[in-house]
Amino acid sequence: MLIPIYTFSGIKKIKKLPDYSYGEWLIYQNNEPRYYFNIFDRKYSDIHHKISDNIEMFLVDKLKGKKMSIRPKIIGICDYSKVSCDWMELEKLPLNILD
């Protein structure tokens, strides 16, 4: 989804997964989606034992030293009436980032 955000410096559009995307995250670098992470992907089956109850906190902890995040850092007001769909093709999050 493309969501327009009204900021002090003008309108910015952020890319985000729909709210019904359970177990999926976009990994942002410089406020742009860089990687895609789906906890149910077989590629990540070996890290299930490292994750406690909260997958989001696990991701936040692993990404903070790498200047990545699971949320874009844009402050403003969302205009959900103008949300549009956008196709993104992203690389899966490399396993070495989660070590």
PDB file of N, CA and C in Angstrom:
ATOM      1  N   MET A   1       0.833  -1.173   0.000  1.00  0.00           N
ATOM      2  CA  MET A   1       0.000   0.000   0.000  1.00  0.00           C
ATOM      3  C   MET A   1       0.883   1.244   0.000  1.00  0.00           C
ATOM      4  N   LEU A   2       0.419   2.258  -0.664  1.00  0.00           N
ATOM      5  CA  LEU A   2       1.040   3.580  -0.611  1.00  0.00           C
ATOM      6  C   LEU A   2       0.131   4.473   0.219  1.00  0.00           C
ATOM      7  N   ILE A   3       0.673   5.032   1.284  1.00  0.00           N
ATOM      8  CA  ILE A   3      -0.121   5.865   2.178  1.00  0.00           C
ATOM      9  C   ILE A   3       0.450   7.283   2.162  1.00  0.00           C
ATOM     10  N   PRO A   4      -0.355   8.282   1.759  1.00  0.00           N
ATOM     11  CA  PRO A   4       0.144   9.653   1.804  1.00  0.00           C
ATOM     12  C   PRO A   4       0.202  10.160   3.247  1.00  0.00           C
ATOM     13  N   ILE A   5       1.312  10.806   3.586  1.00  0.00           N
ATOM     14  CA  ILE A   5       1.516  11.379   4.909  1.00  0.00           C
ATOM     15  C   ILE A   5       1.766  12.874   4.720  1.00  0.00           C
ATOM     16  N   TYR A   6       0.981  13.696   5.395  1.00  0.00           N
ATOM     17  CA  TYR A   6       1.166  15.140   5.341  1.00  0.00           C
ATOM     18  C   TYR A   6       2.177  15.526   6.420  1.00  0.00           C
ATOM     19  N   THR A   7       3.326  16.039   5.988  1.00  0.00           N
ATOM     20  CA  THR A   7       4.389  16.439   6.904  1.00  0.00           C
ATOM     21  C   THR A   7       4.637  17.930   6.751  1.00  0.00           C
ATOM     22  N   PHE A   8       5.503  18.483   7.607  1.00  0.00           N
ATOM     23  CA  PHE A   8       5.846  19.906   7.516  1.00  0.00           C
ATOM     24  C   PHE A   8       6.571  20.222   6.208  1.00  0.00           C
ATOM     25  N   SER A   9       7.250  19.234   5.639  1.00  0.00           N
ATOM     26  CA  SER A   9       7.998  19.478   4.403  1.00  0.00           C
ATOM     27  C   SER A   9       7.221  19.057   3.160  1.00  0.00           C
ATOM     28  N   GLY A  10       5.934  18.767   3.309  1.00  0.00           N
ATOM     29  CA  GLY A  10       5.107  18.387   2.168  1.00  0.00           C
ATOM     30  C   GLY A  10       4.558  16.975   2.304  1.00  0.00           C
ATOM     31  N   ILE A  11       3.934  16.510   1.250  1.00  0.00           N
ATOM     32  CA  ILE A  11       3.330  15.176   1.263  1.00  0.00           C
ATOM     33  C   ILE A  11       4.394  14.144   0.912  1.00  0.00           C
ATOM     34  N   LYS A  12       4.496  13.117   1.743  1.00  0.00           N
ATOM     35  CA  LYS A  12       5.387  11.993   1.484  1.00  0.00           C
ATOM     36  C   LYS A  12       4.526  10.746   1.403  1.00  0.00           C
ATOM     37  N   LYS A  13       4.929   9.796   0.600  1.00  0.00           N
ATOM     38  CA  LYS A  13       4.184   8.537   0.498  1.00  0.00           C
ATOM     39  C   LYS A  13       5.031   7.416   1.076  1.00  0.00           C
ATOM     40  N   ILE A  14       4.448   6.694   2.028  1.00  0.00           N
ATOM     41  CA  ILE A  14       5.173   5.563   2.606  1.00  0.00           C
ATOM     42  C   ILE A  14       4.577   4.271   2.080  1.00  0.00           C
ATOM     43  N   LYS A  15       5.418   3.287   1.948  1.00  0.00           N
ATOM     44  CA  LYS A  15       4.987   1.961   1.521  1.00  0.00           C
ATOM     45  C   LYS A  15       4.856   1.100   2.756  1.00  0.00           C
ATOM     46  N   LYS A  16       3.758   0.383   2.820  1.00  0.00           N
ATOM     47  CA  LYS A  16       3.447  -0.403   4.013  1.00  0.00           C
ATOM     48  C   LYS A  16       2.643  -1.621   3.595  1.00  0.00           C
ATOM     49  N   LEU A  17       2.767  -2.706   4.358  1.00  0.00           N
ATOM     50  CA  LEU A  17       1.932  -3.873   4.114  1.00  0.00           C
ATOM     51  C   LEU A  17       0.539  -3.619   4.685  1.00  0.00           C
ATOM     52  N   PRO A  18      -0.487  -4.249   4.124  1.00  0.00           N
ATOM     53  CA  PRO A  18      -1.830  -4.103   4.706  1.00  0.00           C
ATOM     54  C   PRO A  18      -1.869  -4.643   6.138  1.00  0.00           C
ATOM     55  N   ASP A  19      -2.807  -4.170   6.924  1.00  0.00           N
ATOM     56  CA  ASP A  19      -2.913  -4.582   8.327  1.00  0.00           C
ATOM     57  C   ASP A  19      -3.170  -6.077   8.498  1.00  0.00           C
ATOM     58  N   TYR A  20      -3.743  -6.723   7.502  1.00  0.00           N
ATOM     59  CA  TYR A  20      -4.041  -8.151   7.619  1.00  0.00           C
ATOM     60  C   TYR A  20      -2.853  -9.034   7.251  1.00  0.00           C
ATOM     61  N   SER A  21      -1.668  -8.472   7.127  1.00  0.00           N
ATOM     62  CA  SER A  21      -0.462  -9.225   6.775  1.00  0.00           C
ATOM     63  C   SER A  21       0.157  -9.811   8.038  1.00  0.00           C
ATOM     64  N   TYR A  22      -0.403 -10.883   8.527  1.00  0.00           N
ATOM     65  CA  TYR A  22       0.054 -11.504   9.774  1.00  0.00           C
ATOM     66  C   TYR A  22       1.375 -12.237   9.543  1.00  0.00           C
ATOM     67  N   GLY A  23       2.373 -11.947  10.360  1.00  0.00           N
ATOM     68  CA  GLY A  23       3.663 -12.630  10.274  1.00  0.00           C
ATOM     69  C   GLY A  23       4.567 -12.095   9.180  1.00  0.00           C
ATOM     70  N   GLU A  24       4.223 -10.940   8.607  1.00  0.00           N
ATOM     71  CA  GLU A  24       5.007 -10.361   7.530  1.00  0.00           C
ATOM     72  C   GLU A  24       5.414  -8.936   7.901  1.00  0.00           C
ATOM     73  N   TRP A  25       6.630  -8.557   7.524  1.00  0.00           N
ATOM     74  CA  TRP A  25       7.117  -7.217   7.777  1.00  0.00           C
ATOM     75  C   TRP A  25       7.931  -6.724   6.595  1.00  0.00           C
ATOM     76  N   LEU A  26       7.865  -5.425   6.380  1.00  0.00           N
ATOM     77  CA  LEU A  26       8.808  -4.763   5.490  1.00  0.00           C
ATOM     78  C   LEU A  26       9.938  -4.270   6.372  1.00  0.00           C
ATOM     79  N   ILE A  27      11.153  -4.414   5.904  1.00  0.00           N
ATOM     80  CA  ILE A  27      12.317  -3.920   6.629  1.00  0.00           C
ATOM     81  C   ILE A  27      12.774  -2.658   5.904  1.00  0.00           C
ATOM     82  N   TYR A  28      12.785  -1.551   6.626  1.00  0.00           N
ATOM     83  CA  TYR A  28      13.088  -0.250   6.044  1.00  0.00           C
ATOM     84  C   TYR A  28      14.541   0.143   6.291  1.00  0.00           C
ATOM     85  N   GLN A  29      15.110   0.790   5.288  1.00  0.00           N
ATOM     86  CA  GLN A  29      16.427   1.405   5.413  1.00  0.00           C
ATOM     87  C   GLN A  29      16.303   2.776   4.749  1.00  0.00           C
ATOM     88  N   ASN A  30      16.615   3.831   5.481  1.00  0.00           N
ATOM     89  CA  ASN A  30      16.427   5.210   4.999  1.00  0.00           C
ATOM     90  C   ASN A  30      14.975   5.467   4.588  1.00  0.00           C
ATOM     91  N   ASN A  31      14.049   4.948   5.370  1.00  0.00           N
ATOM     92  CA  ASN A  31      12.602   5.132   5.167  1.00  0.00           C
ATOM     93  C   ASN A  31      12.067   4.499   3.883  1.00  0.00           C
ATOM     94  N   GLU A  32      12.842   3.664   3.255  1.00  0.00           N
ATOM     95  CA  GLU A  32      12.397   2.952   2.058  1.00  0.00           C
ATOM     96  C   GLU A  32      12.420   1.454   2.334  1.00  0.00           C
ATOM     97  N   PRO A  33      11.421   0.711   1.854  1.00  0.00           N
ATOM     98  CA  PRO A  33      11.450  -0.739   2.040  1.00  0.00           C
ATOM     99  C   PRO A  33      12.662  -1.337   1.331  1.00  0.00           C
ATOM    100  N   ARG A  34      13.424  -2.127   2.056  1.00  0.00           N
ATOM    101  CA  ARG A  34      14.642  -2.733   1.490  1.00  0.00           C
ATOM    102  C   ARG A  34      14.504  -4.248   1.396  1.00  0.00           C
ATOM    103  N   TYR A  35      13.912  -4.855   2.443  1.00  0.00           N
ATOM    104  CA  TYR A  35      13.758  -6.305   2.507  1.00  0.00           C
ATOM    105  C   TYR A  35      12.331  -6.661   2.924  1.00  0.00           C
ATOM    106  N   TYR A  36      12.016  -7.930   2.709  1.00  0.00           N
ATOM    107  CA  TYR A  36      10.724  -8.490   3.105  1.00  0.00           C
ATOM    108  C   TYR A  36      11.005  -9.647   4.051  1.00  0.00           C
ATOM    109  N   PHE A  37      10.246  -9.734   5.135  1.00  0.00           N
ATOM    110  CA  PHE A  37      10.410 -10.816   6.106  1.00  0.00           C
ATOM    111  C   PHE A  37       9.056 -11.450   6.385  1.00  0.00           C
ATOM    112  N   ASN A  38       8.984 -12.766   6.236  1.00  0.00           N
ATOM    113  CA  ASN A  38       7.780 -13.535   6.554  1.00  0.00           C
ATOM    114  C   ASN A  38       8.209 -14.675   7.467  1.00  0.00           C
ATOM    115  N   ILE A  39       7.775 -14.633   8.703  1.00  0.00           N
ATOM    116  CA  ILE A  39       8.209 -15.618   9.697  1.00  0.00           C
ATOM    117  C   ILE A  39       7.827 -17.043   9.306  1.00  0.00           C
ATOM    118  N   PHE A  40       6.830 -17.193   8.439  1.00  0.00           N
ATOM    119  CA  PHE A  40       6.389 -18.533   8.046  1.00  0.00           C
ATOM    120  C   PHE A  40       7.136 -19.077   6.836  1.00  0.00           C
ATOM    121  N   ASP A  41       8.054 -18.301   6.287  1.00  0.00           N
ATOM    122  CA  ASP A  41       8.865 -18.746   5.155  1.00  0.00           C
ATOM    123  C   ASP A  41       9.849 -19.818   5.644  1.00  0.00           C
ATOM    124  N   ARG A  42      10.010 -20.859   4.876  1.00  0.00           N
ATOM    125  CA  ARG A  42      10.919 -21.952   5.261  1.00  0.00           C
ATOM    126  C   ARG A  42      12.358 -21.479   5.426  1.00  0.00           C
ATOM    127  N   LYS A  43      12.718 -20.417   4.745  1.00  0.00           N
ATOM    128  CA  LYS A  43      14.075 -19.882   4.848  1.00  0.00           C
ATOM    129  C   LYS A  43      14.420 -19.530   6.295  1.00  0.00           C
ATOM    130  N   TYR A  44      13.422 -19.126   7.076  1.00  0.00           N
ATOM    131  CA  TYR A  44      13.649 -18.679   8.441  1.00  0.00           C
ATOM    132  C   TYR A  44      13.305 -19.735   9.494  1.00  0.00           C
ATOM    133  N   SER A  45      13.104 -20.954   9.094  1.00  0.00           N
ATOM    134  CA  SER A  45      12.703 -21.998  10.048  1.00  0.00           C
ATOM    135  C   SER A  45      13.779 -22.269  11.100  1.00  0.00           C
ATOM    136  N   ASP A  46      15.036 -22.037  10.774  1.00  0.00           N
ATOM    137  CA  ASP A  46      16.114 -22.289  11.734  1.00  0.00           C
ATOM    138  C   ASP A  46      16.205 -21.247  12.844  1.00  0.00           C
ATOM    139  N   ILE A  47      15.551 -20.107  12.687  1.00  0.00           N
ATOM    140  CA  ILE A  47      15.649 -19.076  13.731  1.00  0.00           C
ATOM    141  C   ILE A  47      14.468 -19.106  14.698  1.00  0.00           C
ATOM    142  N   HIS A  48      13.511 -19.982  14.485  1.00  0.00           N
ATOM    143  CA  HIS A  48      12.338 -20.025  15.374  1.00  0.00           C
ATOM    144  C   HIS A  48      12.738 -20.240  16.833  1.00  0.00           C
ATOM    145  N   HIS A  49      13.782 -21.003  17.077  1.00  0.00           N
ATOM    146  CA  HIS A  49      14.199 -21.255  18.462  1.00  0.00           C
ATOM    147  C   HIS A  49      14.831 -20.014  19.113  1.00  0.00           C
ATOM    148  N   LYS A  50      15.305 -19.047  18.313  1.00  0.00           N
ATOM    149  CA  LYS A  50      15.901 -17.825  18.846  1.00  0.00           C
ATOM    150  C   LYS A  50      14.852 -16.790  19.236  1.00  0.00           C
ATOM    151  N   ILE A  51      13.679 -16.909  18.658  1.00  0.00           N
ATOM    152  CA  ILE A  51      12.625 -15.920  18.872  1.00  0.00           C
ATOM    153  C   ILE A  51      11.808 -16.300  20.095  1.00  0.00           C
ATOM    154  N   SER A  52      11.633 -15.342  20.986  1.00  0.00           N
ATOM    155  CA  SER A  52      10.766 -15.600  22.140  1.00  0.00           C
ATOM    156  C   SER A  52       9.323 -15.416  21.700  1.00  0.00           C
ATOM    157  N   ASP A  53       8.501 -14.861  22.522  1.00  0.00           N
ATOM    158  CA  ASP A  53       7.093 -14.690  22.197  1.00  0.00           C
ATOM    159  C   ASP A  53       6.820 -13.532  21.239  1.00  0.00           C
ATOM    160  N   ASN A  54       7.687 -12.545  21.218  1.00  0.00           N
ATOM    161  CA  ASN A  54       7.412 -11.334  20.462  1.00  0.00           C
ATOM    162  C   ASN A  54       8.361 -11.202  19.275  1.00  0.00           C
ATOM    163  N   ILE A  55       7.878 -11.503  18.100  1.00  0.00           N
ATOM    164  CA  ILE A  55       8.692 -11.459  16.889  1.00  0.00           C
ATOM    165  C   ILE A  55       9.092 -10.027  16.574  1.00  0.00           C
ATOM    166  N   GLU A  56       8.177  -9.074  16.768  1.00  0.00           N
ATOM    167  CA  GLU A  56       8.495  -7.674  16.483  1.00  0.00           C
ATOM    168  C   GLU A  56       9.660  -7.185  17.326  1.00  0.00           C
ATOM    169  N   MET A  57       9.673  -7.506  18.608  1.00  0.00           N
ATOM    170  CA  MET A  57      10.780  -7.074  19.480  1.00  0.00           C
ATOM    171  C   MET A  57      12.083  -7.743  19.058  1.00  0.00           C
ATOM    172  N   PHE A  58      12.022  -8.995  18.620  1.00  0.00           N
ATOM    173  CA  PHE A  58      13.198  -9.697  18.110  1.00  0.00           C
ATOM    174  C   PHE A  58      13.758  -8.953  16.898  1.00  0.00           C
ATOM    175  N   LEU A  59      12.888  -8.581  15.956  1.00  0.00           N
ATOM    176  CA  LEU A  59      13.329  -7.857  14.764  1.00  0.00           C
ATOM    177  C   LEU A  59      13.899  -6.491  15.118  1.00  0.00           C
ATOM    178  N   VAL A  60      13.220  -5.750  15.983  1.00  0.00           N
ATOM    179  CA  VAL A  60      13.698  -4.428  16.389  1.00  0.00           C
ATOM    180  C   VAL A  60      15.095  -4.541  16.986  1.00  0.00           C
ATOM    181  N   ASP A  61      15.305  -5.525  17.846  1.00  0.00           N
ATOM    182  CA  ASP A  61      16.600  -5.729  18.490  1.00  0.00           C
ATOM    183  C   ASP A  61      17.692  -6.061  17.474  1.00  0.00           C
ATOM    184  N   LYS A  62      17.387  -6.917  16.523  1.00  0.00           N
ATOM    185  CA  LYS A  62      18.385  -7.339  15.530  1.00  0.00           C
ATOM    186  C   LYS A  62      18.692  -6.243  14.508  1.00  0.00           C
ATOM    187  N   LEU A  63      17.740  -5.368  14.232  1.00  0.00           N
ATOM    188  CA  LEU A  63      17.906  -4.368  13.178  1.00  0.00           C
ATOM    189  C   LEU A  63      18.475  -3.043  13.670  1.00  0.00           C
ATOM    190  N   LYS A  64      18.384  -2.763  14.964  1.00  0.00           N
ATOM    191  CA  LYS A  64      18.735  -1.421  15.440  1.00  0.00           C
ATOM    192  C   LYS A  64      20.201  -1.060  15.206  1.00  0.00           C
ATOM    193  N   GLY A  65      21.108  -1.993  15.283  1.00  0.00           N
ATOM    194  CA  GLY A  65      22.514  -1.697  15.041  1.00  0.00           C
ATOM    195  C   GLY A  65      22.877  -1.641  13.568  1.00  0.00           C
ATOM    196  N   LYS A  66      21.954  -1.989  12.726  1.00  0.00           N
ATOM    197  CA  LYS A  66      22.212  -2.032  11.282  1.00  0.00           C
ATOM    198  C   LYS A  66      21.519  -0.891  10.541  1.00  0.00           C
ATOM    199  N   LYS A  67      21.018   0.084  11.290  1.00  0.00           N
ATOM    200  CA  LYS A  67      20.314   1.249  10.728  1.00  0.00           C
ATOM    201  C   LYS A  67      19.125   0.832   9.873  1.00  0.00           C
ATOM    202  N   MET A  68      18.413  -0.165  10.355  1.00  0.00           N
ATOM    203  CA  MET A  68      17.189  -0.634   9.699  1.00  0.00           C
ATOM    204  C   MET A  68      16.083  -0.640  10.740  1.00  0.00           C
ATOM    205  N   SER A  69      14.844  -0.675  10.271  1.00  0.00           N
ATOM    206  CA  SER A  69      13.717  -0.706  11.198  1.00  0.00           C
ATOM    207  C   SER A  69      12.539  -1.406  10.541  1.00  0.00           C
ATOM    208  N   ILE A  70      11.527  -1.700  11.348  1.00  0.00           N
ATOM    209  CA  ILE A  70      10.312  -2.322  10.807  1.00  0.00           C
ATOM    210  C   ILE A  70       9.233  -1.272  10.547  1.00  0.00           C
ATOM    211  N   ARG A  71       9.537  -0.002  10.862  1.00  0.00           N
ATOM    212  CA  ARG A  71       8.600   1.093  10.608  1.00  0.00           C
ATOM    213  C   ARG A  71       9.355   2.274  10.017  1.00  0.00           C
ATOM    214  N   PRO A  72       8.754   2.934   9.035  1.00  0.00           N
ATOM    215  CA  PRO A  72       9.409   4.134   8.517  1.00  0.00           C
ATOM    216  C   PRO A  72       9.360   5.245   9.557  1.00  0.00           C
ATOM    217  N   LYS A  73      10.354   6.117   9.551  1.00  0.00           N
ATOM    218  CA  LYS A  73      10.420   7.194  10.532  1.00  0.00           C
ATOM    219  C   LYS A  73       9.986   8.497   9.892  1.00  0.00           C
ATOM    220  N   ILE A  74       8.698   8.625   9.678  1.00  0.00           N
ATOM    221  CA  ILE A  74       8.125   9.835   9.114  1.00  0.00           C
ATOM    222  C   ILE A  74       7.024  10.301  10.058  1.00  0.00           C
ATOM    223  N   ILE A  75       7.101  11.553  10.461  1.00  0.00           N
ATOM    224  CA  ILE A  75       6.090  12.104  11.371  1.00  0.00           C
ATOM    225  C   ILE A  75       5.147  12.983  10.565  1.00  0.00           C
ATOM    226  N   GLY A  76       3.878  12.690  10.688  1.00  0.00           N
ATOM    227  CA  GLY A  76       2.880  13.469   9.981  1.00  0.00           C
ATOM    228  C   GLY A  76       1.497  12.884  10.184  1.00  0.00           C
ATOM    229  N   ILE A  77       0.566  13.327   9.384  1.00  0.00           N
ATOM    230  CA  ILE A  77      -0.829  12.876   9.473  1.00  0.00           C
ATOM    231  C   ILE A  77      -1.142  12.029   8.255  1.00  0.00           C
ATOM    232  N   CYS A  78      -1.665  10.824   8.492  1.00  0.00           N
ATOM    233  CA  CYS A  78      -2.006   9.899   7.405  1.00  0.00           C
ATOM    234  C   CYS A  78      -3.343  10.283   6.783  1.00  0.00           C
ATOM    235  N   ASP A  79      -3.420  10.120   5.484  1.00  0.00           N
ATOM    236  CA  ASP A  79      -4.686  10.316   4.780  1.00  0.00           C
ATOM    237  C   ASP A  79      -5.111   8.964   4.211  1.00  0.00           C
ATOM    238  N   TYR A  80      -5.827   8.187   5.033  1.00  0.00           N
ATOM    239  CA  TYR A  80      -6.211   6.832   4.626  1.00  0.00           C
ATOM    240  C   TYR A  80      -7.273   6.822   3.533  1.00  0.00           C
ATOM    241  N   SER A  81      -7.877   7.962   3.251  1.00  0.00           N
ATOM    242  CA  SER A  81      -8.874   8.010   2.174  1.00  0.00           C
ATOM    243  C   SER A  81      -8.207   7.958   0.802  1.00  0.00           C
ATOM    244  N   LYS A  82      -6.904   8.201   0.759  1.00  0.00           N
ATOM    245  CA  LYS A  82      -6.183   8.218  -0.516  1.00  0.00           C
ATOM    246  C   LYS A  82      -5.148   7.107  -0.616  1.00  0.00           C
ATOM    247  N   VAL A  83      -5.365   6.023   0.114  1.00  0.00           N
ATOM    248  CA  VAL A  83      -4.441   4.880   0.062  1.00  0.00           C
ATOM    249  C   VAL A  83      -4.596   4.185  -1.277  1.00  0.00           C
ATOM    250  N   SER A  84      -3.475   3.801  -1.852  1.00  0.00           N
ATOM    251  CA  SER A  84      -3.508   3.069  -3.121  1.00  0.00           C
ATOM    252  C   SER A  84      -2.626   1.835  -3.019  1.00  0.00           C
ATOM    253  N   CYS A  85      -2.852   0.891  -3.894  1.00  0.00           N
ATOM    254  CA  CYS A  85      -2.058  -0.332  -3.913  1.00  0.00           C
ATOM    255  C   CYS A  85      -0.847  -0.136  -4.804  1.00  0.00           C
ATOM    256  N   ASP A  86       0.233  -0.755  -4.430  1.00  0.00           N
ATOM    257  CA  ASP A  86       1.466  -0.648  -5.190  1.00  0.00           C
ATOM    258  C   ASP A  86       2.178  -1.987  -5.116  1.00  0.00           C
ATOM    259  N   TRP A  87       2.624  -2.482  -6.246  1.00  0.00           N
ATOM    260  CA  TRP A  87       3.335  -3.762  -6.283  1.00  0.00           C
ATOM    261  C   TRP A  87       4.793  -3.522  -5.945  1.00  0.00           C
ATOM    262  N   MET A  88       5.321  -4.298  -4.993  1.00  0.00           N
ATOM    263  CA  MET A  88       6.726  -4.186  -4.621  1.00  0.00           C
ATOM    264  C   MET A  88       7.373  -5.553  -4.769  1.00  0.00           C
ATOM    265  N   GLU A  89       8.541  -5.556  -5.291  1.00  0.00           N
ATOM    266  CA  GLU A  89       9.306  -6.792  -5.353  1.00  0.00           C
ATOM    267  C   GLU A  89      10.577  -6.552  -4.557  1.00  0.00           C
ATOM    268  N   LEU A  90      10.652  -7.194  -3.395  1.00  0.00           N
ATOM    269  CA  LEU A  90      11.771  -6.989  -2.498  1.00  0.00           C
ATOM    270  C   LEU A  90      12.504  -8.296  -2.252  1.00  0.00           C
ATOM    271  N   GLU A  91      13.762  -8.161  -1.932  1.00  0.00           N
ATOM    272  CA  GLU A  91      14.588  -9.304  -1.574  1.00  0.00           C
ATOM    273  C   GLU A  91      14.191  -9.770  -0.166  1.00  0.00           C
ATOM    274  N   LYS A  92      14.267 -11.078   0.059  1.00  0.00           N
ATOM    275  CA  LYS A  92      14.007 -11.584   1.407  1.00  0.00           C
ATOM    276  C   LYS A  92      15.138 -11.147   2.322  1.00  0.00           C
ATOM    277  N   LEU A  93      14.799 -10.917   3.570  1.00  0.00           N
ATOM    278  CA  LEU A  93      15.793 -10.494   4.570  1.00  0.00           C
ATOM    279  C   LEU A  93      16.875 -11.574   4.698  1.00  0.00           C
ATOM    280  N   PRO A  94      18.144 -11.220   4.465  1.00  0.00           N
ATOM    281  CA  PRO A  94      19.211 -12.215   4.591  1.00  0.00           C
ATOM    282  C   PRO A  94      19.336 -12.723   6.032  1.00  0.00           C
ATOM    283  N   LEU A  95      19.621 -13.994   6.176  1.00  0.00           N
ATOM    284  CA  LEU A  95      19.740 -14.603   7.507  1.00  0.00           C
ATOM    285  C   LEU A  95      20.863 -13.997   8.324  1.00  0.00           C
ATOM    286  N   ASN A  96      21.940 -13.563   7.693  1.00  0.00           N
ATOM    287  CA  ASN A  96      23.065 -13.015   8.470  1.00  0.00           C
ATOM    288  C   ASN A  96      22.694 -11.734   9.219  1.00  0.00           C
ATOM    289  N   ILE A  97      21.661 -11.036   8.792  1.00  0.00           N
ATOM    290  CA  ILE A  97      21.205  -9.845   9.505  1.00  0.00           C
ATOM    291  C   ILE A  97      20.557 -10.241  10.831  1.00  0.00           C
ATOM    292  N   LEU A  98      20.008 -11.424  10.904  1.00  0.00           N
ATOM    293  CA  LEU A  98      19.322 -11.879  12.116  1.00  0.00           C
ATOM    294  C   LEU A  98      20.239 -12.587  13.106  1.00  0.00           C
ATOM    295  N   ASP A  99      21.513 -12.691  12.784  1.00  0.00           N
ATOM    296  CA  ASP A  99      22.478 -13.337  13.711  1.00  0.00           C
ATOM    297  C   ASP A  99      22.906 -12.396  14.798  1.00  0.00           C
TER     298      ASP A  99
END
